[in-house]
Amino acid sequence: MEKSIDPGRSNVVGVIHTSGGFLQAGIPGLDAVEVRVDALSVPPPARQIAELPVAAIVTVRCAEEGGLQSISDEDRREKYFALLPTAAAVDLELRSAESMSDLRETILREGKTLILSLHDFHSTPPLTDLENACAKMRDLGASILKVATKTGSISEVSRLLTLLEHSPTPLAVMGMGALGGASRLLFAKAGSALNYGWLDKPQVSGQWSAKEFLELLART
């Protein structure tokens, strides 16, 4: 049976950004994994994605939004297309969605889940700016919208919660930095569509390990 992601529920996603992460993809409770191809020294073969026990989100992040390698758009496009047949979903930055329109259209044509994302590692932009970005993601065909920002104050956390509350499309919101960990638990309970935890080794500030995240969510 083909593995898929249900955008209508709150999913816990384990992030594979090291080779050891593949060995932890089967921990109980995970709904999906994200394979961060840009973080891996060697791109995984499509077969390895197909053999994962849960649905896989394939991400080849650009350096401007947190990618761990400087990869040209042409190279990123090739990596995406190579893994697309075995991916349940693809995460593509909003800034890349138009320049990679051929990839975006293929994802939609083949019935894959398109996640369009926005990352701000400095602050949480004003609510109007976030709403405008989300509207553009919807116009470009995203099934799930994703917004990750630095959250250093209660007002910034509240801004993301308001965005989540009023979104007409499945939305994933997450905080990074000082209030990242606490906010991610809150957002997951409030219905954020995708909630990420690292596998094997820590990845970004404010992110729980997938195992600990699952345990905390079960107790709250």
N, C-alpha and C. Protein backbone atom coordinates (compact mmCIF):
# COMPACT_ATOMS: atom_id res chain seq x y z
N MET A 1 0.85 -1.19 0.00
CA MET A 1 0.00 0.00 0.00
C MET A 1 0.89 1.25 0.00
N GLU A 2 0.53 2.22 -0.81
CA GLU A 2 1.33 3.43 -0.91
C GLU A 2 1.22 4.24 0.38
N LYS A 3 2.35 4.69 0.88
CA LYS A 3 2.37 5.47 2.13
C LYS A 3 2.05 6.93 1.81
N SER A 4 1.29 7.56 2.71
CA SER A 4 0.88 8.94 2.47
C SER A 4 0.80 9.70 3.79
N ILE A 5 0.64 11.01 3.69
CA ILE A 5 0.52 11.88 4.85
C ILE A 5 -0.88 12.47 4.85
N ASP A 6 -1.54 12.40 5.98
CA ASP A 6 -2.88 12.97 6.12
C ASP A 6 -2.75 14.43 6.55
N PRO A 7 -3.00 15.38 5.66
CA PRO A 7 -2.83 16.80 6.01
C PRO A 7 -3.88 17.31 6.98
N GLY A 8 -4.91 16.52 7.20
CA GLY A 8 -6.00 16.95 8.06
C GLY A 8 -5.79 16.64 9.54
N ARG A 9 -4.62 16.11 9.89
CA ARG A 9 -4.35 15.80 11.28
C ARG A 9 -2.97 16.33 11.67
N SER A 10 -2.66 16.24 12.95
CA SER A 10 -1.36 16.70 13.46
C SER A 10 -0.39 15.53 13.39
N ASN A 11 0.60 15.62 12.51
CA ASN A 11 1.56 14.55 12.27
C ASN A 11 2.89 14.82 12.95
N VAL A 12 3.50 13.78 13.51
CA VAL A 12 4.85 13.89 14.05
C VAL A 12 5.82 13.34 13.01
N VAL A 13 6.80 14.15 12.65
CA VAL A 13 7.73 13.84 11.56
C VAL A 13 9.15 13.74 12.11
N GLY A 14 9.80 12.61 11.89
CA GLY A 14 11.19 12.44 12.28
C GLY A 14 12.11 12.94 11.17
N VAL A 15 13.10 13.75 11.54
CA VAL A 15 13.98 14.35 10.54
C VAL A 15 15.24 13.49 10.38
N ILE A 16 15.45 12.99 9.17
CA ILE A 16 16.65 12.22 8.83
C ILE A 16 17.64 13.18 8.18
N HIS A 17 18.69 13.52 8.92
CA HIS A 17 19.70 14.41 8.36
C HIS A 17 21.11 13.82 8.50
N THR A 18 21.17 12.57 8.97
CA THR A 18 22.42 11.81 9.03
C THR A 18 22.12 10.40 8.55
N SER A 19 23.14 9.65 8.21
CA SER A 19 22.91 8.27 7.78
C SER A 19 22.30 7.45 8.91
N GLY A 20 22.65 7.78 10.18
CA GLY A 20 22.09 7.06 11.30
C GLY A 20 20.60 7.29 11.48
N GLY A 21 20.09 8.38 10.94
CA GLY A 21 18.67 8.66 11.06
C GLY A 21 17.80 7.62 10.39
N PHE A 22 18.30 7.02 9.31
CA PHE A 22 17.52 5.99 8.62
C PHE A 22 17.24 4.80 9.54
N LEU A 23 18.16 4.53 10.47
CA LEU A 23 18.01 3.39 11.37
C LEU A 23 16.95 3.63 12.43
N GLN A 24 16.58 4.90 12.64
CA GLN A 24 15.60 5.23 13.67
C GLN A 24 14.22 5.57 13.10
N ALA A 25 14.05 5.40 11.82
CA ALA A 25 12.80 5.80 11.17
C ALA A 25 11.60 4.98 11.60
N GLY A 26 11.84 3.86 12.25
CA GLY A 26 10.74 2.99 12.65
C GLY A 26 10.31 3.14 14.09
N ILE A 27 10.75 4.21 14.79
CA ILE A 27 10.35 4.33 16.19
C ILE A 27 8.83 4.48 16.27
N PRO A 28 8.21 3.83 17.27
CA PRO A 28 6.74 3.84 17.37
C PRO A 28 6.17 5.25 17.49
N GLY A 29 5.11 5.50 16.76
CA GLY A 29 4.41 6.77 16.85
C GLY A 29 4.69 7.75 15.74
N LEU A 30 5.78 7.56 15.00
CA LEU A 30 6.08 8.49 13.89
C LEU A 30 5.04 8.34 12.79
N ASP A 31 4.58 9.47 12.27
CA ASP A 31 3.64 9.45 11.15
C ASP A 31 4.36 9.54 9.82
N ALA A 32 5.55 10.14 9.83
CA ALA A 32 6.30 10.34 8.59
C ALA A 32 7.74 10.68 8.96
N VAL A 33 8.59 10.70 7.95
CA VAL A 33 9.96 11.19 8.11
C VAL A 33 10.23 12.23 7.04
N GLU A 34 11.14 13.14 7.34
CA GLU A 34 11.64 14.07 6.34
C GLU A 34 13.08 13.69 6.04
N VAL A 35 13.38 13.45 4.78
CA VAL A 35 14.75 13.14 4.37
C VAL A 35 15.39 14.42 3.86
N ARG A 36 16.33 14.96 4.65
CA ARG A 36 17.01 16.20 4.30
C ARG A 36 18.21 15.87 3.42
N VAL A 37 17.94 15.79 2.14
CA VAL A 37 18.97 15.40 1.18
C VAL A 37 20.14 16.37 1.20
N ASP A 38 19.87 17.65 1.44
CA ASP A 38 20.93 18.65 1.47
C ASP A 38 21.89 18.45 2.64
N ALA A 39 21.47 17.72 3.66
CA ALA A 39 22.32 17.50 4.84
C ALA A 39 23.14 16.22 4.74
N LEU A 40 22.80 15.36 3.80
CA LEU A 40 23.47 14.07 3.68
C LEU A 40 24.66 14.17 2.74
N SER A 41 25.77 13.55 3.11
CA SER A 41 26.97 13.63 2.28
C SER A 41 26.79 12.92 0.95
N VAL A 42 25.98 11.89 0.95
CA VAL A 42 25.66 11.14 -0.27
C VAL A 42 24.14 11.05 -0.39
N PRO A 43 23.55 11.49 -1.49
CA PRO A 43 22.09 11.39 -1.65
C PRO A 43 21.64 9.94 -1.54
N PRO A 44 20.56 9.67 -0.83
CA PRO A 44 20.09 8.29 -0.70
C PRO A 44 19.52 7.78 -2.02
N PRO A 45 19.67 6.49 -2.30
CA PRO A 45 19.02 5.95 -3.50
C PRO A 45 17.51 5.90 -3.30
N ALA A 46 16.78 5.95 -4.39
CA ALA A 46 15.32 5.93 -4.31
C ALA A 46 14.83 4.69 -3.56
N ARG A 47 15.53 3.58 -3.73
CA ARG A 47 15.13 2.34 -3.06
C ARG A 47 15.11 2.50 -1.54
N GLN A 48 16.09 3.24 -1.00
CA GLN A 48 16.16 3.45 0.44
C GLN A 48 14.96 4.26 0.94
N ILE A 49 14.51 5.21 0.13
CA ILE A 49 13.31 5.98 0.49
C ILE A 49 12.09 5.07 0.46
N ALA A 50 11.99 4.24 -0.58
CA ALA A 50 10.84 3.36 -0.73
C ALA A 50 10.73 2.37 0.42
N GLU A 51 11.87 1.98 1.00
CA GLU A 51 11.86 0.96 2.05
C GLU A 51 11.64 1.52 3.45
N LEU A 52 11.53 2.83 3.58
CA LEU A 52 11.25 3.41 4.89
C LEU A 52 9.88 2.95 5.38
N PRO A 53 9.72 2.75 6.69
CA PRO A 53 8.47 2.19 7.22
C PRO A 53 7.30 3.16 7.22
N VAL A 54 7.56 4.46 7.05
CA VAL A 54 6.49 5.46 7.02
C VAL A 54 6.68 6.36 5.80
N ALA A 55 5.69 7.20 5.55
CA ALA A 55 5.75 8.12 4.41
C ALA A 55 6.95 9.05 4.52
N ALA A 56 7.55 9.37 3.38
CA ALA A 56 8.75 10.20 3.36
C ALA A 56 8.49 11.54 2.68
N ILE A 57 8.91 12.61 3.36
CA ILE A 57 8.96 13.95 2.77
C ILE A 57 10.39 14.15 2.28
N VAL A 58 10.56 14.46 1.01
CA VAL A 58 11.89 14.70 0.47
C VAL A 58 12.13 16.21 0.42
N THR A 59 13.26 16.63 1.00
CA THR A 59 13.62 18.04 1.06
C THR A 59 15.06 18.23 0.61
N VAL A 60 15.26 19.13 -0.33
CA VAL A 60 16.62 19.53 -0.73
C VAL A 60 16.66 21.04 -0.50
N ARG A 61 16.91 21.42 0.75
CA ARG A 61 16.76 22.81 1.16
C ARG A 61 17.82 23.72 0.54
N CYS A 62 17.39 24.91 0.13
CA CYS A 62 18.35 25.89 -0.39
C CYS A 62 19.12 26.52 0.77
N ALA A 63 20.33 26.95 0.51
CA ALA A 63 21.19 27.49 1.57
C ALA A 63 20.58 28.73 2.21
N GLU A 64 19.85 29.53 1.46
CA GLU A 64 19.27 30.76 1.99
C GLU A 64 18.23 30.50 3.09
N GLU A 65 17.68 29.29 3.12
CA GLU A 65 16.66 28.98 4.13
C GLU A 65 17.06 27.78 4.98
N GLY A 66 18.37 27.66 5.21
CA GLY A 66 18.82 26.66 6.15
C GLY A 66 19.44 25.42 5.56
N GLY A 67 19.58 25.35 4.24
CA GLY A 67 20.24 24.20 3.62
C GLY A 67 21.68 24.07 4.10
N LEU A 68 22.13 22.85 4.29
CA LEU A 68 23.45 22.63 4.87
C LEU A 68 24.55 22.49 3.83
N GLN A 69 24.19 22.58 2.56
CA GLN A 69 25.18 22.61 1.49
C GLN A 69 24.77 23.69 0.49
N SER A 70 25.75 24.25 -0.17
CA SER A 70 25.46 25.20 -1.22
C SER A 70 25.26 24.41 -2.52
N ILE A 71 24.00 24.21 -2.89
CA ILE A 71 23.66 23.39 -4.05
C ILE A 71 22.94 24.26 -5.08
N SER A 72 23.35 24.19 -6.31
CA SER A 72 22.70 24.98 -7.36
C SER A 72 21.26 24.52 -7.54
N ASP A 73 20.43 25.40 -8.08
CA ASP A 73 19.04 25.03 -8.34
C ASP A 73 18.96 23.85 -9.31
N GLU A 74 19.86 23.82 -10.28
CA GLU A 74 19.85 22.72 -11.25
C GLU A 74 20.13 21.39 -10.56
N ASP A 75 21.10 21.39 -9.64
CA ASP A 75 21.44 20.17 -8.91
C ASP A 75 20.31 19.78 -7.96
N ARG A 76 19.74 20.78 -7.31
CA ARG A 76 18.61 20.49 -6.42
C ARG A 76 17.46 19.88 -7.20
N ARG A 77 17.17 20.42 -8.36
CA ARG A 77 16.08 19.91 -9.20
C ARG A 77 16.34 18.44 -9.56
N GLU A 78 17.57 18.13 -9.94
CA GLU A 78 17.91 16.75 -10.30
C GLU A 78 17.70 15.79 -9.13
N LYS A 79 18.10 16.23 -7.94
CA LYS A 79 17.94 15.39 -6.75
C LYS A 79 16.47 15.17 -6.43
N TYR A 80 15.68 16.22 -6.55
CA TYR A 80 14.24 16.09 -6.32
C TYR A 80 13.62 15.09 -7.30
N PHE A 81 13.90 15.25 -8.57
CA PHE A 81 13.29 14.39 -9.58
C PHE A 81 13.73 12.93 -9.40
N ALA A 82 14.98 12.72 -8.97
CA ALA A 82 15.48 11.35 -8.79
C ALA A 82 14.72 10.62 -7.69
N LEU A 83 14.29 11.35 -6.66
CA LEU A 83 13.63 10.72 -5.51
C LEU A 83 12.11 10.85 -5.54
N LEU A 84 11.59 11.63 -6.45
CA LEU A 84 10.16 11.88 -6.50
C LEU A 84 9.31 10.61 -6.60
N PRO A 85 9.70 9.60 -7.39
CA PRO A 85 8.83 8.43 -7.52
C PRO A 85 8.53 7.71 -6.20
N THR A 86 9.45 7.79 -5.24
CA THR A 86 9.23 7.07 -3.98
C THR A 86 8.90 8.01 -2.82
N ALA A 87 8.76 9.29 -3.09
CA ALA A 87 8.39 10.26 -2.04
C ALA A 87 6.88 10.34 -1.91
N ALA A 88 6.41 10.49 -0.68
CA ALA A 88 4.99 10.76 -0.46
C ALA A 88 4.72 12.25 -0.60
N ALA A 89 5.73 13.06 -0.25
CA ALA A 89 5.59 14.50 -0.28
C ALA A 89 6.93 15.15 -0.59
N VAL A 90 6.86 16.38 -1.06
CA VAL A 90 8.05 17.16 -1.34
C VAL A 90 7.91 18.52 -0.68
N ASP A 91 8.96 18.95 0.02
CA ASP A 91 9.00 20.28 0.64
C ASP A 91 9.89 21.18 -0.21
N LEU A 92 9.29 22.24 -0.70
CA LEU A 92 9.99 23.21 -1.55
C LEU A 92 9.75 24.61 -1.00
N GLU A 93 10.80 25.41 -0.90
CA GLU A 93 10.63 26.76 -0.37
C GLU A 93 9.76 27.60 -1.32
N LEU A 94 8.99 28.48 -0.73
CA LEU A 94 8.17 29.39 -1.52
C LEU A 94 9.05 30.18 -2.49
N ARG A 95 10.24 30.58 -2.06
CA ARG A 95 11.13 31.36 -2.93
C ARG A 95 11.58 30.58 -4.16
N SER A 96 11.51 29.23 -4.09
CA SER A 96 11.94 28.39 -5.22
C SER A 96 10.78 27.90 -6.07
N ALA A 97 9.56 28.13 -5.62
CA ALA A 97 8.39 27.51 -6.25
C ALA A 97 8.19 27.95 -7.69
N GLU A 98 8.49 29.20 -7.99
CA GLU A 98 8.27 29.68 -9.35
C GLU A 98 9.43 29.33 -10.26
N SER A 99 10.66 29.43 -9.76
CA SER A 99 11.82 29.08 -10.59
C SER A 99 11.87 27.57 -10.86
N MET A 100 11.26 26.79 -9.99
CA MET A 100 11.19 25.34 -10.20
C MET A 100 9.75 24.93 -10.52
N SER A 101 9.12 25.69 -11.36
CA SER A 101 7.71 25.42 -11.69
C SER A 101 7.53 24.05 -12.33
N ASP A 102 8.54 23.57 -13.08
CA ASP A 102 8.43 22.25 -13.70
C ASP A 102 8.35 21.15 -12.64
N LEU A 103 9.14 21.29 -11.58
CA LEU A 103 9.10 20.33 -10.48
C LEU A 103 7.76 20.42 -9.76
N ARG A 104 7.33 21.63 -9.46
CA ARG A 104 6.07 21.83 -8.75
C ARG A 104 4.90 21.23 -9.54
N GLU A 105 4.88 21.46 -10.83
CA GLU A 105 3.79 20.93 -11.66
C GLU A 105 3.82 19.41 -11.73
N THR A 106 5.02 18.84 -11.75
CA THR A 106 5.14 17.37 -11.78
C THR A 106 4.65 16.77 -10.47
N ILE A 107 5.00 17.39 -9.35
CA ILE A 107 4.53 16.92 -8.04
C ILE A 107 3.01 16.88 -8.02
N LEU A 108 2.39 17.95 -8.48
CA LEU A 108 0.94 18.03 -8.47
C LEU A 108 0.32 17.03 -9.45
N ARG A 109 0.91 16.90 -10.62
CA ARG A 109 0.38 16.00 -11.64
C ARG A 109 0.43 14.55 -11.19
N GLU A 110 1.48 14.20 -10.43
CA GLU A 110 1.63 12.82 -9.99
C GLU A 110 0.92 12.54 -8.66
N GLY A 111 0.19 13.51 -8.17
CA GLY A 111 -0.61 13.29 -6.98
C GLY A 111 0.17 13.23 -5.68
N LYS A 112 1.38 13.78 -5.69
CA LYS A 112 2.17 13.84 -4.47
C LYS A 112 1.72 15.05 -3.63
N THR A 113 2.04 15.02 -2.35
CA THR A 113 1.72 16.14 -1.48
C THR A 113 2.78 17.23 -1.64
N LEU A 114 2.36 18.42 -2.02
CA LEU A 114 3.28 19.55 -2.17
C LEU A 114 3.25 20.40 -0.90
N ILE A 115 4.40 20.51 -0.25
CA ILE A 115 4.57 21.38 0.91
C ILE A 115 5.38 22.58 0.46
N LEU A 116 4.82 23.77 0.57
CA LEU A 116 5.59 24.98 0.30
C LEU A 116 5.92 25.62 1.64
N SER A 117 7.16 26.09 1.79
CA SER A 117 7.64 26.49 3.10
C SER A 117 8.32 27.85 3.09
N LEU A 118 8.33 28.45 4.28
CA LEU A 118 8.97 29.74 4.52
C LEU A 118 9.73 29.65 5.84
N HIS A 119 11.01 30.05 5.83
CA HIS A 119 11.84 30.01 7.03
C HIS A 119 12.43 31.39 7.30
N ASP A 120 12.35 31.82 8.55
CA ASP A 120 12.97 33.08 8.96
C ASP A 120 13.75 32.80 10.24
N PHE A 121 15.08 32.85 10.16
CA PHE A 121 15.93 32.50 11.29
C PHE A 121 16.28 33.70 12.17
N HIS A 122 15.68 34.86 11.88
CA HIS A 122 15.99 36.08 12.62
C HIS A 122 14.83 36.55 13.50
N SER A 123 13.60 36.35 13.05
CA SER A 123 12.44 36.83 13.79
C SER A 123 11.18 36.18 13.23
N THR A 124 10.04 36.56 13.81
CA THR A 124 8.75 36.18 13.25
C THR A 124 8.17 37.41 12.55
N PRO A 125 8.01 37.38 11.24
CA PRO A 125 7.51 38.55 10.51
C PRO A 125 6.11 38.97 10.98
N PRO A 126 5.69 40.18 10.64
CA PRO A 126 4.33 40.62 10.97
C PRO A 126 3.28 39.67 10.42
N LEU A 127 2.14 39.60 11.11
CA LEU A 127 1.09 38.67 10.72
C LEU A 127 0.63 38.89 9.28
N THR A 128 0.52 40.14 8.85
CA THR A 128 0.08 40.42 7.48
C THR A 128 1.05 39.83 6.46
N ASP A 129 2.35 39.93 6.73
CA ASP A 129 3.35 39.36 5.83
C ASP A 129 3.22 37.84 5.77
N LEU A 130 3.00 37.22 6.92
CA LEU A 130 2.85 35.76 6.96
C LEU A 130 1.58 35.34 6.22
N GLU A 131 0.51 36.07 6.41
CA GLU A 131 -0.75 35.74 5.72
C GLU A 131 -0.60 35.89 4.21
N ASN A 132 0.11 36.91 3.76
CA ASN A 132 0.34 37.10 2.33
C ASN A 132 1.17 35.96 1.75
N ALA A 133 2.20 35.53 2.49
CA ALA A 133 3.04 34.42 2.03
C ALA A 133 2.21 33.14 1.94
N CYS A 134 1.36 32.90 2.93
CA CYS A 134 0.53 31.70 2.92
C CYS A 134 -0.47 31.72 1.76
N ALA A 135 -1.02 32.90 1.47
CA ALA A 135 -1.94 33.03 0.34
C ALA A 135 -1.24 32.69 -0.97
N LYS A 136 0.01 33.10 -1.10
CA LYS A 136 0.77 32.79 -2.31
C LYS A 136 1.04 31.29 -2.41
N MET A 137 1.36 30.67 -1.28
CA MET A 137 1.57 29.22 -1.27
C MET A 137 0.31 28.48 -1.74
N ARG A 138 -0.83 28.92 -1.25
CA ARG A 138 -2.09 28.29 -1.67
C ARG A 138 -2.31 28.47 -3.17
N ASP A 139 -2.05 29.67 -3.67
CA ASP A 139 -2.24 29.95 -5.10
C ASP A 139 -1.34 29.08 -5.97
N LEU A 140 -0.18 28.67 -5.43
CA LEU A 140 0.76 27.85 -6.18
C LEU A 140 0.48 26.36 -6.02
N GLY A 141 -0.59 26.01 -5.34
CA GLY A 141 -1.04 24.62 -5.30
C GLY A 141 -0.60 23.80 -4.11
N ALA A 142 -0.07 24.43 -3.06
CA ALA A 142 0.40 23.66 -1.91
C ALA A 142 -0.75 22.97 -1.20
N SER A 143 -0.52 21.71 -0.83
CA SER A 143 -1.48 20.96 -0.02
C SER A 143 -1.28 21.26 1.46
N ILE A 144 -0.03 21.50 1.84
CA ILE A 144 0.32 21.87 3.20
C ILE A 144 1.24 23.09 3.14
N LEU A 145 0.96 24.09 3.96
CA LEU A 145 1.81 25.26 4.08
C LEU A 145 2.69 25.08 5.31
N LYS A 146 3.91 25.59 5.26
CA LYS A 146 4.83 25.44 6.39
C LYS A 146 5.52 26.77 6.66
N VAL A 147 5.47 27.20 7.92
CA VAL A 147 6.10 28.46 8.33
C VAL A 147 6.95 28.17 9.58
N ALA A 148 8.25 28.40 9.48
CA ALA A 148 9.16 28.21 10.61
C ALA A 148 9.89 29.53 10.85
N THR A 149 9.77 30.06 12.07
CA THR A 149 10.38 31.34 12.38
C THR A 149 11.07 31.31 13.74
N LYS A 150 11.94 32.27 13.96
CA LYS A 150 12.58 32.40 15.27
C LYS A 150 11.58 33.03 16.24
N THR A 151 11.39 32.37 17.38
CA THR A 151 10.43 32.85 18.37
C THR A 151 11.16 33.18 19.66
N GLY A 152 11.34 34.47 19.90
CA GLY A 152 12.04 34.90 21.09
C GLY A 152 11.14 35.61 22.09
N SER A 153 9.85 35.74 21.75
CA SER A 153 8.91 36.42 22.64
C SER A 153 7.54 35.76 22.56
N ILE A 154 6.73 36.00 23.59
CA ILE A 154 5.38 35.45 23.62
C ILE A 154 4.56 36.00 22.46
N SER A 155 4.77 37.26 22.11
CA SER A 155 3.99 37.86 21.01
C SER A 155 4.29 37.16 19.69
N GLU A 156 5.53 36.72 19.49
CA GLU A 156 5.87 36.01 18.24
C GLU A 156 5.22 34.63 18.22
N VAL A 157 5.21 33.95 19.35
CA VAL A 157 4.51 32.66 19.44
C VAL A 157 3.03 32.86 19.17
N SER A 158 2.45 33.90 19.76
CA SER A 158 1.03 34.19 19.58
C SER A 158 0.70 34.46 18.11
N ARG A 159 1.62 35.13 17.43
CA ARG A 159 1.42 35.45 16.01
C ARG A 159 1.29 34.16 15.18
N LEU A 160 2.17 33.21 15.45
CA LEU A 160 2.11 31.94 14.72
C LEU A 160 0.84 31.16 15.08
N LEU A 161 0.44 31.25 16.35
CA LEU A 161 -0.78 30.55 16.77
C LEU A 161 -2.01 31.15 16.07
N THR A 162 -2.03 32.47 15.93
CA THR A 162 -3.13 33.14 15.22
C THR A 162 -3.15 32.73 13.76
N LEU A 163 -1.97 32.67 13.15
CA LEU A 163 -1.87 32.24 11.75
C LEU A 163 -2.43 30.83 11.59
N LEU A 164 -2.07 29.95 12.52
CA LEU A 164 -2.55 28.56 12.49
C LEU A 164 -4.06 28.50 12.67
N GLU A 165 -4.56 29.27 13.61
CA GLU A 165 -5.99 29.23 13.94
C GLU A 165 -6.86 29.64 12.77
N HIS A 166 -6.39 30.57 11.97
CA HIS A 166 -7.24 31.13 10.91
C HIS A 166 -6.89 30.62 9.51
N SER A 167 -6.01 29.65 9.42
CA SER A 167 -5.62 29.15 8.10
C SER A 167 -6.70 28.25 7.49
N PRO A 168 -7.15 28.53 6.27
CA PRO A 168 -8.13 27.68 5.61
C PRO A 168 -7.51 26.43 4.98
N THR A 169 -6.19 26.37 4.98
CA THR A 169 -5.44 25.26 4.39
C THR A 169 -4.59 24.63 5.47
N PRO A 170 -4.39 23.29 5.47
CA PRO A 170 -3.51 22.68 6.46
C PRO A 170 -2.18 23.42 6.55
N LEU A 171 -1.80 23.76 7.77
CA LEU A 171 -0.63 24.60 8.01
C LEU A 171 0.24 23.99 9.09
N ALA A 172 1.54 24.00 8.86
CA ALA A 172 2.52 23.60 9.87
C ALA A 172 3.26 24.85 10.32
N VAL A 173 3.24 25.11 11.63
CA VAL A 173 4.00 26.23 12.17
C VAL A 173 4.97 25.70 13.21
N MET A 174 6.14 26.32 13.31
CA MET A 174 7.12 25.88 14.30
C MET A 174 8.02 27.03 14.67
N GLY A 175 8.45 27.03 15.93
CA GLY A 175 9.34 28.07 16.42
C GLY A 175 10.76 27.56 16.53
N MET A 176 11.69 28.47 16.42
CA MET A 176 13.11 28.18 16.62
C MET A 176 13.64 29.15 17.66
N GLY A 177 14.68 28.76 18.38
CA GLY A 177 15.28 29.66 19.34
C GLY A 177 14.72 29.50 20.74
N ALA A 178 14.70 30.60 21.51
CA ALA A 178 14.42 30.56 22.94
C ALA A 178 13.11 29.89 23.29
N LEU A 179 12.05 30.16 22.55
CA LEU A 179 10.74 29.59 22.85
C LEU A 179 10.37 28.48 21.87
N GLY A 180 11.35 28.01 21.13
CA GLY A 180 11.08 27.00 20.11
C GLY A 180 10.50 25.72 20.68
N GLY A 181 11.15 25.14 21.69
CA GLY A 181 10.71 23.87 22.23
C GLY A 181 9.31 23.94 22.80
N ALA A 182 9.05 24.93 23.64
CA ALA A 182 7.73 25.07 24.25
C ALA A 182 6.66 25.33 23.19
N SER A 183 6.99 26.19 22.21
CA SER A 183 6.00 26.53 21.20
C SER A 183 5.66 25.34 20.32
N ARG A 184 6.62 24.48 20.05
CA ARG A 184 6.35 23.32 19.19
C ARG A 184 5.36 22.36 19.84
N LEU A 185 5.44 22.20 21.14
CA LEU A 185 4.46 21.38 21.84
C LEU A 185 3.08 22.02 21.74
N LEU A 186 3.02 23.32 21.96
CA LEU A 186 1.75 24.04 21.86
C LEU A 186 1.16 23.92 20.47
N PHE A 187 1.97 24.16 19.45
CA PHE A 187 1.46 24.12 18.07
C PHE A 187 0.97 22.72 17.69
N ALA A 188 1.70 21.70 18.13
CA ALA A 188 1.28 20.33 17.82
C ALA A 188 -0.09 20.04 18.43
N LYS A 189 -0.30 20.49 19.67
CA LYS A 189 -1.59 20.28 20.33
C LYS A 189 -2.68 21.13 19.68
N ALA A 190 -2.30 22.27 19.09
CA ALA A 190 -3.27 23.17 18.48
C ALA A 190 -3.62 22.78 17.05
N GLY A 191 -2.96 21.73 16.52
CA GLY A 191 -3.33 21.24 15.19
C GLY A 191 -2.36 21.51 14.07
N SER A 192 -1.13 21.93 14.39
CA SER A 192 -0.12 22.10 13.34
C SER A 192 0.01 20.79 12.55
N ALA A 193 -0.03 20.89 11.24
CA ALA A 193 -0.11 19.68 10.41
C ALA A 193 1.15 18.82 10.47
N LEU A 194 2.31 19.45 10.58
CA LEU A 194 3.59 18.73 10.61
C LEU A 194 4.40 19.24 11.79
N ASN A 195 4.88 18.29 12.61
CA ASN A 195 5.61 18.64 13.83
C ASN A 195 6.88 17.81 13.86
N TYR A 196 8.03 18.49 13.75
CA TYR A 196 9.29 17.81 13.46
C TYR A 196 10.12 17.54 14.71
N GLY A 197 10.75 16.38 14.75
CA GLY A 197 11.70 16.03 15.79
C GLY A 197 12.89 15.34 15.15
N TRP A 198 14.08 15.57 15.69
CA TRP A 198 15.27 15.00 15.05
C TRP A 198 15.45 13.52 15.37
N LEU A 199 16.08 12.84 14.43
CA LEU A 199 16.49 11.45 14.59
C LEU A 199 18.01 11.40 14.58
N ASP A 200 18.59 10.60 15.45
CA ASP A 200 20.03 10.35 15.55
C ASP A 200 20.80 11.47 16.25
N LYS A 201 20.71 12.71 15.74
CA LYS A 201 21.46 13.83 16.33
C LYS A 201 20.63 15.11 16.26
N PRO A 202 20.85 16.05 17.22
CA PRO A 202 20.12 17.32 17.16
C PRO A 202 20.36 18.03 15.84
N GLN A 203 19.34 18.81 15.44
CA GLN A 203 19.45 19.49 14.15
C GLN A 203 19.38 21.00 14.26
N VAL A 204 18.27 21.54 14.76
CA VAL A 204 18.12 22.99 14.84
C VAL A 204 17.68 23.40 16.24
N SER A 205 17.95 24.63 16.60
CA SER A 205 17.59 25.16 17.91
C SER A 205 16.08 25.10 18.12
N GLY A 206 15.67 24.57 19.28
CA GLY A 206 14.26 24.52 19.61
C GLY A 206 13.56 23.24 19.20
N GLN A 207 14.27 22.34 18.54
CA GLN A 207 13.65 21.10 18.06
C GLN A 207 13.93 19.96 19.03
N TRP A 208 12.87 19.24 19.43
CA TRP A 208 13.00 18.08 20.30
C TRP A 208 13.53 16.89 19.50
N SER A 209 14.04 15.89 20.20
CA SER A 209 14.26 14.61 19.53
C SER A 209 12.87 14.04 19.24
N ALA A 210 12.73 13.28 18.18
CA ALA A 210 11.42 12.73 17.83
C ALA A 210 10.89 11.85 18.95
N LYS A 211 11.76 11.06 19.58
CA LYS A 211 11.35 10.17 20.66
C LYS A 211 10.81 10.96 21.85
N GLU A 212 11.56 11.98 22.27
CA GLU A 212 11.13 12.77 23.42
C GLU A 212 9.87 13.56 23.09
N PHE A 213 9.79 14.06 21.87
CA PHE A 213 8.61 14.81 21.44
C PHE A 213 7.35 13.95 21.54
N LEU A 214 7.44 12.73 21.04
CA LEU A 214 6.30 11.81 21.11
C LEU A 214 5.91 11.52 22.55
N GLU A 215 6.89 11.34 23.40
CA GLU A 215 6.60 11.07 24.80
C GLU A 215 5.93 12.25 25.49
N LEU A 216 6.43 13.46 25.22
CA LEU A 216 5.84 14.66 25.82
C LEU A 216 4.41 14.88 25.33
N LEU A 217 4.19 14.68 24.04
CA LEU A 217 2.84 14.86 23.49
C LEU A 217 1.86 13.86 24.10
N ALA A 218 2.34 12.65 24.36
CA ALA A 218 1.47 11.63 24.95
C ALA A 218 1.09 11.98 26.39
N ARG A 219 1.92 12.79 27.07
CA ARG A 219 1.67 13.09 28.47
C ARG A 219 0.92 14.41 28.67
N THR A 220 0.76 15.18 27.60
CA THR A 220 0.13 16.49 27.74
C THR A 220 -1.26 16.52 27.09
